[in-house]
Amino acid sequence: MLIGTSWKMNKTIADARTWAMTLAAGLRNADFSGLTPFVIPPVTALHAVREELTDSPVVLGVQNAHWEDCGAFTGEISPLQAADAGASIVEIGHSERRALGETDEQIRLKTAAALRHRLIPLVCIGEDSAAQRSGRSGVVITDQAESALAGLSPKQQSRVVIAYEPIWAIGEQGREPSVNELADQISELRSALGERVAAVIYGGSVNTSNARDLLGIPGIDGLFIGRSALDASAFLEVLAIAQESVGRRRTPTLDPTDVPMPSPGANDPTTPSLEKGCQR
């Protein structure tokens, strides 16, 4: 079961190190076998978090990466740089980035690029409140997921994690959903994806009070926690809750090392930058 958190634009390096030290101590004092915890801090704090969690089972990630390996893309980081910094996961397609103009095509390119560098794409999907009210939630999220997977081989698809985060349920203004509101969407998504992907996890107003109920929804392989996990103790509490149901759930993997490397141009219309003489 996958239990993770992304901090968005929060925490200084010192704050991140303190958080990671608290998590490391909690992991040493508890049995979380069967769980794969993951943490996606700001890239500025990745090295500090990595240092504190070196001997732990925690998998680390970055919140975004470009599809090119290098070049004139001011402010971006590449999948090559993410892997070099110690990341194993790339969060892709969060609704906040989609709202800024990130397209399904760009998300597809980023997914393929992450796999090219043996990184695990964590593809975020989610519908807005208008789609929910009109009964189109399942169609919207299924289309988003299928778009990200387009062109990937079955082996590559099997290393993609899908994070369902309904837009109306995330952020400070988000509304905590009921289990019944989510069950139909998860069921429809699972019907479309089957077992093609590594995991389908849920994120959106997840906290210590509702984690147990959310994990009881059929088809959910884990949780993706936002602001409530900015407190390391709360994150540890959710891990403890998840541990209770480990034996009754499928155990997805976050190991992308056996994914075949796509040949240049196999997954996108451009040749990978390293083939263009990228300076390393």
C-alpha atoms as a PDB file:
ATOM      1  CA  MET A   1       0.000   0.000   0.000  1.00  0.00           C
ATOM      2  CA  LEU A   2       1.283   3.446  -0.893  1.00  0.00           C
ATOM      3  CA  ILE A   3       0.988   6.257   1.630  1.00  0.00           C
ATOM      4  CA  GLY A   4       2.548   9.544   0.612  1.00  0.00           C
ATOM      5  CA  THR A   5       2.544  13.285   0.878  1.00  0.00           C
ATOM      6  CA  SER A   6       3.461  16.284  -1.264  1.00  0.00           C
ATOM      7  CA  TRP A   7       4.249  19.498   0.558  1.00  0.00           C
ATOM      8  CA  LYS A   8       3.615  21.921  -2.309  1.00  0.00           C
ATOM      9  CA  MET A   9       5.396  25.262  -1.630  1.00  0.00           C
ATOM     10  CA  ASN A  10       5.894  24.728   2.100  1.00  0.00           C
ATOM     11  CA  LYS A  11       8.804  24.319   4.525  1.00  0.00           C
ATOM     12  CA  THR A  12      12.314  25.705   4.611  1.00  0.00           C
ATOM     13  CA  ILE A  13      15.291  23.358   4.591  1.00  0.00           C
ATOM     14  CA  ALA A  14      15.462  23.503   8.399  1.00  0.00           C
ATOM     15  CA  ASP A  15      11.735  22.759   8.700  1.00  0.00           C
ATOM     16  CA  ALA A  16      12.040  19.883   6.252  1.00  0.00           C
ATOM     17  CA  ARG A  17      14.964  18.373   8.124  1.00  0.00           C
ATOM     18  CA  THR A  18      13.053  18.501  11.424  1.00  0.00           C
ATOM     19  CA  TRP A  19      10.015  16.863   9.780  1.00  0.00           C
ATOM     20  CA  ALA A  20      12.162  14.115   8.278  1.00  0.00           C
ATOM     21  CA  MET A  21      13.910  13.444  11.597  1.00  0.00           C
ATOM     22  CA  THR A  22      10.518  13.023  13.291  1.00  0.00           C
ATOM     23  CA  LEU A  23       9.406  10.615  10.577  1.00  0.00           C
ATOM     24  CA  ALA A  24      12.642   8.626  10.757  1.00  0.00           C
ATOM     25  CA  ALA A  25      12.284   8.221  14.521  1.00  0.00           C
ATOM     26  CA  GLY A  26       8.682   7.110  14.156  1.00  0.00           C
ATOM     27  CA  LEU A  27       9.585   4.545  11.499  1.00  0.00           C
ATOM     28  CA  ARG A  28      12.255   3.055  13.752  1.00  0.00           C
ATOM     29  CA  ASN A  29       9.742   2.587  16.551  1.00  0.00           C
ATOM     30  CA  ALA A  30       6.944   0.948  14.549  1.00  0.00           C
ATOM     31  CA  ASP A  31       6.298  -1.923  12.156  1.00  0.00           C
ATOM     32  CA  PHE A  32       5.043  -0.563   8.846  1.00  0.00           C
ATOM     33  CA  SER A  33       5.940  -3.607   6.765  1.00  0.00           C
ATOM     34  CA  GLY A  34       3.751  -3.854   3.702  1.00  0.00           C
ATOM     35  CA  LEU A  35       3.550  -0.071   3.358  1.00  0.00           C
ATOM     36  CA  THR A  36       5.561   2.079   0.982  1.00  0.00           C
ATOM     37  CA  PRO A  37       5.753   5.600   2.402  1.00  0.00           C
ATOM     38  CA  PHE A  38       6.745   8.354  -0.010  1.00  0.00           C
ATOM     39  CA  VAL A  39       7.478  12.032   0.475  1.00  0.00           C
ATOM     40  CA  ILE A  40       7.588  14.757  -2.171  1.00  0.00           C
ATOM     41  CA  PRO A  41       9.146  17.886  -0.637  1.00  0.00           C
ATOM     42  CA  PRO A  42      10.034  21.112  -2.448  1.00  0.00           C
ATOM     43  CA  VAL A  43      13.096  20.472  -4.588  1.00  0.00           C
ATOM     44  CA  THR A  44      15.080  22.916  -2.434  1.00  0.00           C
ATOM     45  CA  ALA A  45      14.694  20.563   0.540  1.00  0.00           C
ATOM     46  CA  LEU A  46      15.096  17.247  -1.273  1.00  0.00           C
ATOM     47  CA  HIS A  47      18.743  16.791  -0.327  1.00  0.00           C
ATOM     48  CA  ALA A  48      18.135  17.514   3.371  1.00  0.00           C
ATOM     49  CA  VAL A  49      15.176  15.131   3.528  1.00  0.00           C
ATOM     50  CA  ARG A  50      17.187  12.492   1.713  1.00  0.00           C
ATOM     51  CA  GLU A  51      20.005  12.782   4.253  1.00  0.00           C
ATOM     52  CA  GLU A  52      17.660  12.257   7.200  1.00  0.00           C
ATOM     53  CA  LEU A  53      15.795   9.323   5.590  1.00  0.00           C
ATOM     54  CA  THR A  54      18.760   7.501   4.061  1.00  0.00           C
ATOM     55  CA  ASP A  55      18.285   4.312   6.080  1.00  0.00           C
ATOM     56  CA  SER A  56      14.496   4.323   5.915  1.00  0.00           C
ATOM     57  CA  PRO A  57      12.021   2.723   3.478  1.00  0.00           C
ATOM     58  CA  VAL A  58      10.732   6.140   2.392  1.00  0.00           C
ATOM     59  CA  VAL A  59      10.743   6.859  -1.349  1.00  0.00           C
ATOM     60  CA  LEU A  60      11.399  10.470  -2.358  1.00  0.00           C
ATOM     61  CA  GLY A  61      10.116  12.513  -5.246  1.00  0.00           C
ATOM     62  CA  VAL A  62       9.847  15.902  -6.919  1.00  0.00           C
ATOM     63  CA  GLN A  63       6.687  17.883  -7.608  1.00  0.00           C
ATOM     64  CA  ASN A  64       7.291  18.381 -11.326  1.00  0.00           C
ATOM     65  CA  ALA A  65       9.810  17.712 -14.088  1.00  0.00           C
ATOM     66  CA  HIS A  66      10.076  18.804 -17.704  1.00  0.00           C
ATOM     67  CA  TRP A  67       9.985  16.260 -20.527  1.00  0.00           C
ATOM     68  CA  GLU A  68      13.357  17.383 -21.920  1.00  0.00           C
ATOM     69  CA  ASP A  69      16.617  16.346 -20.285  1.00  0.00           C
ATOM     70  CA  CYS A  70      18.204  19.799 -20.511  1.00  0.00           C
ATOM     71  CA  GLY A  71      17.952  23.055 -22.411  1.00  0.00           C
ATOM     72  CA  ALA A  72      16.645  26.607 -22.330  1.00  0.00           C
ATOM     73  CA  PHE A  73      13.743  26.066 -19.941  1.00  0.00           C
ATOM     74  CA  THR A  74      14.297  28.639 -17.206  1.00  0.00           C
ATOM     75  CA  GLY A  75      12.835  27.645 -13.847  1.00  0.00           C
ATOM     76  CA  GLU A  76      12.251  24.015 -14.804  1.00  0.00           C
ATOM     77  CA  ILE A  77      14.028  20.880 -13.656  1.00  0.00           C
ATOM     78  CA  SER A  78      14.542  17.905 -15.923  1.00  0.00           C
ATOM     79  CA  PRO A  79      13.928  14.223 -15.171  1.00  0.00           C
ATOM     80  CA  LEU A  80      17.682  13.747 -15.496  1.00  0.00           C
ATOM     81  CA  GLN A  81      18.254  16.336 -12.763  1.00  0.00           C
ATOM     82  CA  ALA A  82      15.481  14.870 -10.587  1.00  0.00           C
ATOM     83  CA  ALA A  83      17.044  11.419 -10.717  1.00  0.00           C
ATOM     84  CA  ASP A  84      20.497  12.883 -10.090  1.00  0.00           C
ATOM     85  CA  ALA A  85      19.182  14.659  -6.966  1.00  0.00           C
ATOM     86  CA  GLY A  86      17.887  11.404  -5.501  1.00  0.00           C
ATOM     87  CA  ALA A  87      14.235  11.415  -6.556  1.00  0.00           C
ATOM     88  CA  SER A  88      12.465   8.187  -7.498  1.00  0.00           C
ATOM     89  CA  ILE A  89       9.030   9.700  -8.154  1.00  0.00           C
ATOM     90  CA  VAL A  90       7.834  12.593 -10.310  1.00  0.00           C
ATOM     91  CA  GLU A  91       4.470  14.123  -9.483  1.00  0.00           C
ATOM     92  CA  ILE A  92       2.839  15.028 -12.798  1.00  0.00           C
ATOM     93  CA  GLY A  93      -0.319  16.885 -13.766  1.00  0.00           C
ATOM     94  CA  HIS A  94      -1.500  18.254 -10.432  1.00  0.00           C
ATOM     95  CA  SER A  95      -4.690  20.280 -10.902  1.00  0.00           C
ATOM     96  CA  GLU A  96      -2.897  23.445  -9.792  1.00  0.00           C
ATOM     97  CA  ARG A  97      -0.480  23.031 -12.692  1.00  0.00           C
ATOM     98  CA  ARG A  98      -3.274  22.131 -15.100  1.00  0.00           C
ATOM     99  CA  ALA A  99      -5.002  25.360 -14.044  1.00  0.00           C
ATOM    100  CA  LEU A 100      -1.869  27.262 -15.083  1.00  0.00           C
ATOM    101  CA  GLY A 101      -2.098  25.790 -18.571  1.00  0.00           C
ATOM    102  CA  GLU A 102      -0.435  22.386 -18.406  1.00  0.00           C
ATOM    103  CA  THR A 103      -2.067  20.241 -21.090  1.00  0.00           C
ATOM    104  CA  ASP A 104      -2.846  16.542 -21.418  1.00  0.00           C
ATOM    105  CA  GLU A 105      -0.193  16.361 -24.148  1.00  0.00           C
ATOM    106  CA  GLN A 106       2.474  17.850 -21.871  1.00  0.00           C
ATOM    107  CA  ILE A 107       1.479  15.438 -19.125  1.00  0.00           C
ATOM    108  CA  ARG A 108       1.850  12.545 -21.558  1.00  0.00           C
ATOM    109  CA  LEU A 109       5.316  13.748 -22.549  1.00  0.00           C
ATOM    110  CA  LYS A 110       6.350  14.123 -18.897  1.00  0.00           C
ATOM    111  CA  THR A 111       5.090  10.633 -18.065  1.00  0.00           C
ATOM    112  CA  ALA A 112       7.148   9.099 -20.864  1.00  0.00           C
ATOM    113  CA  ALA A 113      10.189  11.167 -19.888  1.00  0.00           C
ATOM    114  CA  ALA A 114       9.991  10.035 -16.266  1.00  0.00           C
ATOM    115  CA  LEU A 115       9.960   6.402 -17.347  1.00  0.00           C
ATOM    116  CA  ARG A 116      12.891   7.075 -19.655  1.00  0.00           C
ATOM    117  CA  HIS A 117      14.940   7.914 -16.574  1.00  0.00           C
ATOM    118  CA  ARG A 118      13.648   5.036 -14.427  1.00  0.00           C
ATOM    119  CA  LEU A 119      11.480   7.414 -12.416  1.00  0.00           C
ATOM    120  CA  ILE A 120       7.979   6.558 -11.255  1.00  0.00           C
ATOM    121  CA  PRO A 121       5.346   8.868 -12.757  1.00  0.00           C
ATOM    122  CA  LEU A 122       2.697   9.792 -10.205  1.00  0.00           C
ATOM    123  CA  VAL A 123      -0.007  11.168 -12.477  1.00  0.00           C
ATOM    124  CA  CYS A 124      -2.648  13.331 -10.804  1.00  0.00           C
ATOM    125  CA  ILE A 125      -6.159  13.353 -12.221  1.00  0.00           C
ATOM    126  CA  GLY A 126      -9.337  14.989 -10.987  1.00  0.00           C
ATOM    127  CA  GLU A 127     -12.570  16.656 -12.005  1.00  0.00           C
ATOM    128  CA  ASP A 128     -13.896  20.061 -11.026  1.00  0.00           C
ATOM    129  CA  SER A 129     -17.169  20.697  -9.220  1.00  0.00           C
ATOM    130  CA  ALA A 130     -19.033  21.376 -12.475  1.00  0.00           C
ATOM    131  CA  ALA A 131     -18.131  17.946 -13.827  1.00  0.00           C
ATOM    132  CA  GLN A 132     -19.128  16.367 -10.541  1.00  0.00           C
ATOM    133  CA  ARG A 133     -22.502  18.078 -10.490  1.00  0.00           C
ATOM    134  CA  SER A 134     -23.228  17.060 -14.076  1.00  0.00           C
ATOM    135  CA  GLY A 135     -22.383  13.417 -13.430  1.00  0.00           C
ATOM    136  CA  ARG A 136     -19.307  13.455 -15.699  1.00  0.00           C
ATOM    137  CA  SER A 137     -16.677  12.701 -13.038  1.00  0.00           C
ATOM    138  CA  GLY A 138     -15.910   9.203 -14.282  1.00  0.00           C
ATOM    139  CA  VAL A 139     -15.567  10.288 -17.901  1.00  0.00           C
ATOM    140  CA  VAL A 140     -13.263  13.193 -17.067  1.00  0.00           C
ATOM    141  CA  ILE A 141     -10.862  11.299 -14.831  1.00  0.00           C
ATOM    142  CA  THR A 142     -10.755   8.235 -17.070  1.00  0.00           C
ATOM    143  CA  ASP A 143      -9.929  10.403 -20.076  1.00  0.00           C
ATOM    144  CA  GLN A 144      -7.143  12.142 -18.137  1.00  0.00           C
ATOM    145  CA  ALA A 145      -5.635   8.820 -17.066  1.00  0.00           C
ATOM    146  CA  GLU A 146      -5.830   7.273 -20.539  1.00  0.00           C
ATOM    147  CA  SER A 147      -4.227  10.366 -22.067  1.00  0.00           C
ATOM    148  CA  ALA A 148      -1.210  10.073 -19.754  1.00  0.00           C
ATOM    149  CA  LEU A 149      -0.820   6.367 -20.560  1.00  0.00           C
ATOM    150  CA  ALA A 150      -1.171   6.755 -24.330  1.00  0.00           C
ATOM    151  CA  GLY A 151       1.729   5.265 -26.271  1.00  0.00           C
ATOM    152  CA  LEU A 152       3.247   3.423 -23.327  1.00  0.00           C
ATOM    153  CA  SER A 153       3.884  -0.291 -23.457  1.00  0.00           C
ATOM    154  CA  PRO A 154       2.035  -2.526 -20.974  1.00  0.00           C
ATOM    155  CA  LYS A 155       5.267  -2.867 -18.971  1.00  0.00           C
ATOM    156  CA  GLN A 156       5.673   0.889 -18.783  1.00  0.00           C
ATOM    157  CA  GLN A 157       2.031   1.425 -17.830  1.00  0.00           C
ATOM    158  CA  SER A 158       2.502  -1.051 -14.995  1.00  0.00           C
ATOM    159  CA  ARG A 159       4.932   1.379 -13.330  1.00  0.00           C
ATOM    160  CA  VAL A 160       2.612   4.407 -13.404  1.00  0.00           C
ATOM    161  CA  VAL A 161       0.796   5.467 -10.236  1.00  0.00           C
ATOM    162  CA  ILE A 162      -2.516   7.272 -10.708  1.00  0.00           C
ATOM    163  CA  ALA A 163      -3.520   9.724  -7.967  1.00  0.00           C
ATOM    164  CA  TYR A 164      -7.204  10.616  -8.050  1.00  0.00           C
ATOM    165  CA  GLU A 165      -7.614  14.068  -6.505  1.00  0.00           C
ATOM    166  CA  PRO A 166     -11.002  15.668  -7.184  1.00  0.00           C
ATOM    167  CA  ILE A 167     -10.434  19.403  -7.514  1.00  0.00           C
ATOM    168  CA  TRP A 168     -13.437  20.201  -5.359  1.00  0.00           C
ATOM    169  CA  ALA A 169     -11.902  18.246  -2.463  1.00  0.00           C
ATOM    170  CA  ILE A 170      -8.366  19.638  -2.349  1.00  0.00           C
ATOM    171  CA  GLY A 171      -6.773  22.771  -0.922  1.00  0.00           C
ATOM    172  CA  GLU A 172      -7.846  24.979   1.932  1.00  0.00           C
ATOM    173  CA  GLN A 173     -11.226  25.589   0.279  1.00  0.00           C
ATOM    174  CA  GLY A 174     -11.742  21.910  -0.505  1.00  0.00           C
ATOM    175  CA  ARG A 175     -14.752  20.017   0.797  1.00  0.00           C
ATOM    176  CA  GLU A 176     -14.180  16.691   2.516  1.00  0.00           C
ATOM    177  CA  PRO A 177     -15.937  14.062   0.373  1.00  0.00           C
ATOM    178  CA  SER A 178     -18.012  11.183   1.654  1.00  0.00           C
ATOM    179  CA  VAL A 179     -17.115   7.591   0.909  1.00  0.00           C
ATOM    180  CA  ASN A 180     -20.239   7.269  -1.240  1.00  0.00           C
ATOM    181  CA  GLU A 181     -19.223  10.255  -3.364  1.00  0.00           C
ATOM    182  CA  LEU A 182     -15.902   8.640  -4.189  1.00  0.00           C
ATOM    183  CA  ALA A 183     -16.829   4.983  -4.565  1.00  0.00           C
ATOM    184  CA  ASP A 184     -18.504   5.343  -7.970  1.00  0.00           C
ATOM    185  CA  GLN A 185     -15.581   7.321  -9.428  1.00  0.00           C
ATOM    186  CA  ILE A 186     -13.018   4.839  -8.161  1.00  0.00           C
ATOM    187  CA  SER A 187     -15.092   1.956  -9.486  1.00  0.00           C
ATOM    188  CA  GLU A 188     -15.395   3.542 -12.942  1.00  0.00           C
ATOM    189  CA  LEU A 189     -11.690   4.364 -13.028  1.00  0.00           C
ATOM    190  CA  ARG A 190     -10.770   0.832 -12.015  1.00  0.00           C
ATOM    191  CA  SER A 191     -13.099  -0.625 -14.623  1.00  0.00           C
ATOM    192  CA  ALA A 192     -11.231   1.344 -17.283  1.00  0.00           C
ATOM    193  CA  LEU A 193      -7.688   0.772 -16.011  1.00  0.00           C
ATOM    194  CA  GLY A 194      -7.983  -2.690 -14.501  1.00  0.00           C
ATOM    195  CA  GLU A 195      -4.582  -3.732 -13.193  1.00  0.00           C
ATOM    196  CA  ARG A 196      -2.664  -1.963 -15.970  1.00  0.00           C
ATOM    197  CA  VAL A 197      -1.147   0.606 -13.605  1.00  0.00           C
ATOM    198  CA  ALA A 198       0.977   0.137 -10.501  1.00  0.00           C
ATOM    199  CA  ALA A 199      -1.612   1.662  -8.208  1.00  0.00           C
ATOM    200  CA  VAL A 200      -4.597   3.962  -7.904  1.00  0.00           C
ATOM    201  CA  ILE A 201      -4.354   6.134  -4.815  1.00  0.00           C
ATOM    202  CA  TYR A 202      -6.656   8.822  -3.453  1.00  0.00           C
ATOM    203  CA  GLY A 203      -5.869  12.371  -2.391  1.00  0.00           C
ATOM    204  CA  GLY A 204      -8.192  15.176  -1.358  1.00  0.00           C
ATOM    205  CA  SER A 205      -8.834  16.369   2.213  1.00  0.00           C
ATOM    206  CA  VAL A 206      -7.217  13.203   3.603  1.00  0.00           C
ATOM    207  CA  ASN A 207      -6.610  13.341   7.344  1.00  0.00           C
ATOM    208  CA  THR A 208      -6.322  11.128  10.396  1.00  0.00           C
ATOM    209  CA  SER A 209     -10.085  11.175  10.900  1.00  0.00           C
ATOM    210  CA  ASN A 210     -11.110   9.868   7.479  1.00  0.00           C
ATOM    211  CA  ALA A 211      -8.105   7.792   6.403  1.00  0.00           C
ATOM    212  CA  ARG A 212      -9.577   4.505   7.628  1.00  0.00           C
ATOM    213  CA  ASP A 213     -12.863   5.034   5.782  1.00  0.00           C
ATOM    214  CA  LEU A 214     -11.091   6.094   2.588  1.00  0.00           C
ATOM    215  CA  LEU A 215      -8.899   3.008   2.640  1.00  0.00           C
ATOM    216  CA  GLY A 216     -12.053   0.921   2.894  1.00  0.00           C
ATOM    217  CA  ILE A 217     -13.189   1.997  -0.586  1.00  0.00           C
ATOM    218  CA  PRO A 218     -12.673  -0.894  -3.028  1.00  0.00           C
ATOM    219  CA  GLY A 219     -10.035  -0.172  -5.650  1.00  0.00           C
ATOM    220  CA  ILE A 220      -7.957   2.294  -3.626  1.00  0.00           C
ATOM    221  CA  ASP A 221      -4.326   1.218  -3.173  1.00  0.00           C
ATOM    222  CA  GLY A 222      -3.237   4.015  -0.884  1.00  0.00           C
ATOM    223  CA  LEU A 223      -3.488   7.674   0.072  1.00  0.00           C
ATOM    224  CA  PHE A 224      -1.861  10.896  -1.098  1.00  0.00           C
ATOM    225  CA  ILE A 225      -1.980  13.409   1.741  1.00  0.00           C
ATOM    226  CA  GLY A 226      -1.691  17.169   1.487  1.00  0.00           C
ATOM    227  CA  ARG A 227      -1.725  19.817   4.186  1.00  0.00           C
ATOM    228  CA  SER A 228      -2.619  17.494   7.085  1.00  0.00           C
ATOM    229  CA  ALA A 229       0.707  15.674   6.582  1.00  0.00           C
ATOM    230  CA  LEU A 230       2.722  18.860   7.005  1.00  0.00           C
ATOM    231  CA  ASP A 231       2.788  17.606  10.602  1.00  0.00           C
ATOM    232  CA  ALA A 232       5.044  14.525  10.631  1.00  0.00           C
ATOM    233  CA  SER A 233       3.169  13.076  13.600  1.00  0.00           C
ATOM    234  CA  ALA A 234      -0.069  13.130  11.611  1.00  0.00           C
ATOM    235  CA  PHE A 235       1.655  11.388   8.711  1.00  0.00           C
ATOM    236  CA  LEU A 236       2.860   8.689  11.084  1.00  0.00           C
ATOM    237  CA  GLU A 237      -0.666   8.303  12.410  1.00  0.00           C
ATOM    238  CA  VAL A 238      -2.017   7.736   8.901  1.00  0.00           C
ATOM    239  CA  LEU A 239       0.713   5.128   8.343  1.00  0.00           C
ATOM    240  CA  ALA A 240      -0.430   3.345  11.492  1.00  0.00           C
ATOM    241  CA  ILE A 241      -4.041   3.393  10.286  1.00  0.00           C
ATOM    242  CA  ALA A 242      -3.006   2.031   6.891  1.00  0.00           C
ATOM    243  CA  GLN A 243      -0.971  -0.744   8.468  1.00  0.00           C
ATOM    244  CA  GLU A 244      -4.167  -2.184   9.908  1.00  0.00           C
ATOM    245  CA  SER A 245      -5.476  -3.071   6.455  1.00  0.00           C
ATOM    246  CA  VAL A 246      -2.259  -4.097   4.701  1.00  0.00           C
ATOM    247  CA  GLY A 247      -3.019  -7.812   4.791  1.00  0.00           C
ATOM    248  CA  ARG A 248      -6.332  -7.323   3.014  1.00  0.00           C
ATOM    249  CA  ARG A 249      -5.014  -5.259   0.087  1.00  0.00           C
ATOM    250  CA  ARG A 250      -2.913  -5.671  -3.019  1.00  0.00           C
ATOM    251  CA  THR A 251       0.654  -4.469  -2.517  1.00  0.00           C
ATOM    252  CA  PRO A 252       1.758  -2.287  -5.423  1.00  0.00           C
ATOM    253  CA  THR A 253       5.431  -1.739  -6.133  1.00  0.00           C
ATOM    254  CA  LEU A 254       7.333   1.479  -6.666  1.00  0.00           C
ATOM    255  CA  ASP A 255      10.306  -0.188  -8.344  1.00  0.00           C
ATOM    256  CA  PRO A 256      10.716   1.022 -11.939  1.00  0.00           C
ATOM    257  CA  THR A 257      14.124  -0.567 -12.573  1.00  0.00           C
ATOM    258  CA  ASP A 258      12.845  -3.313 -14.865  1.00  0.00           C
ATOM    259  CA  VAL A 259      10.940  -0.940 -17.135  1.00  0.00           C
ATOM    260  CA  PRO A 260      12.355  -1.198 -20.672  1.00  0.00           C
ATOM    261  CA  MET A 261      13.864   2.067 -21.837  1.00  0.00           C
ATOM    262  CA  PRO A 262      11.831   3.403 -24.785  1.00  0.00           C
ATOM    263  CA  SER A 263      13.802   4.067 -27.934  1.00  0.00           C
ATOM    264  CA  PRO A 264      14.148   7.707 -29.030  1.00  0.00           C
ATOM    265  CA  GLY A 265      10.816   8.958 -30.282  1.00  0.00           C
ATOM    266  CA  ALA A 266       8.892   5.895 -29.095  1.00  0.00           C
ATOM    267  CA  ASN A 267       6.676   7.776 -26.652  1.00  0.00           C
ATOM    268  CA  ASP A 268       6.815  11.342 -27.899  1.00  0.00           C
ATOM    269  CA  PRO A 269       7.300  13.203 -31.144  1.00  0.00           C
ATOM    270  CA  THR A 270      10.708  14.525 -30.102  1.00  0.00           C
ATOM    271  CA  THR A 271      13.985  12.705 -29.722  1.00  0.00           C
ATOM    272  CA  PRO A 272      15.277  12.664 -26.095  1.00  0.00           C
ATOM    273  CA  SER A 273      17.664  15.525 -25.483  1.00  0.00           C
ATOM    274  CA  LEU A 274      20.605  13.274 -24.669  1.00  0.00           C
ATOM    275  CA  GLU A 275      20.428  12.138 -28.276  1.00  0.00           C
ATOM    276  CA  LYS A 276      20.743  15.791 -29.317  1.00  0.00           C
ATOM    277  CA  GLY A 277      24.087  16.293 -27.612  1.00  0.00           C
ATOM    278  CA  CYS A 278      22.791  17.425 -24.240  1.00  0.00           C
ATOM    279  CA  GLN A 279      25.621  18.645 -21.980  1.00  0.00           C
ATOM    280  CA  ARG A 280      25.795  16.558 -18.829  1.00  0.00           C
END
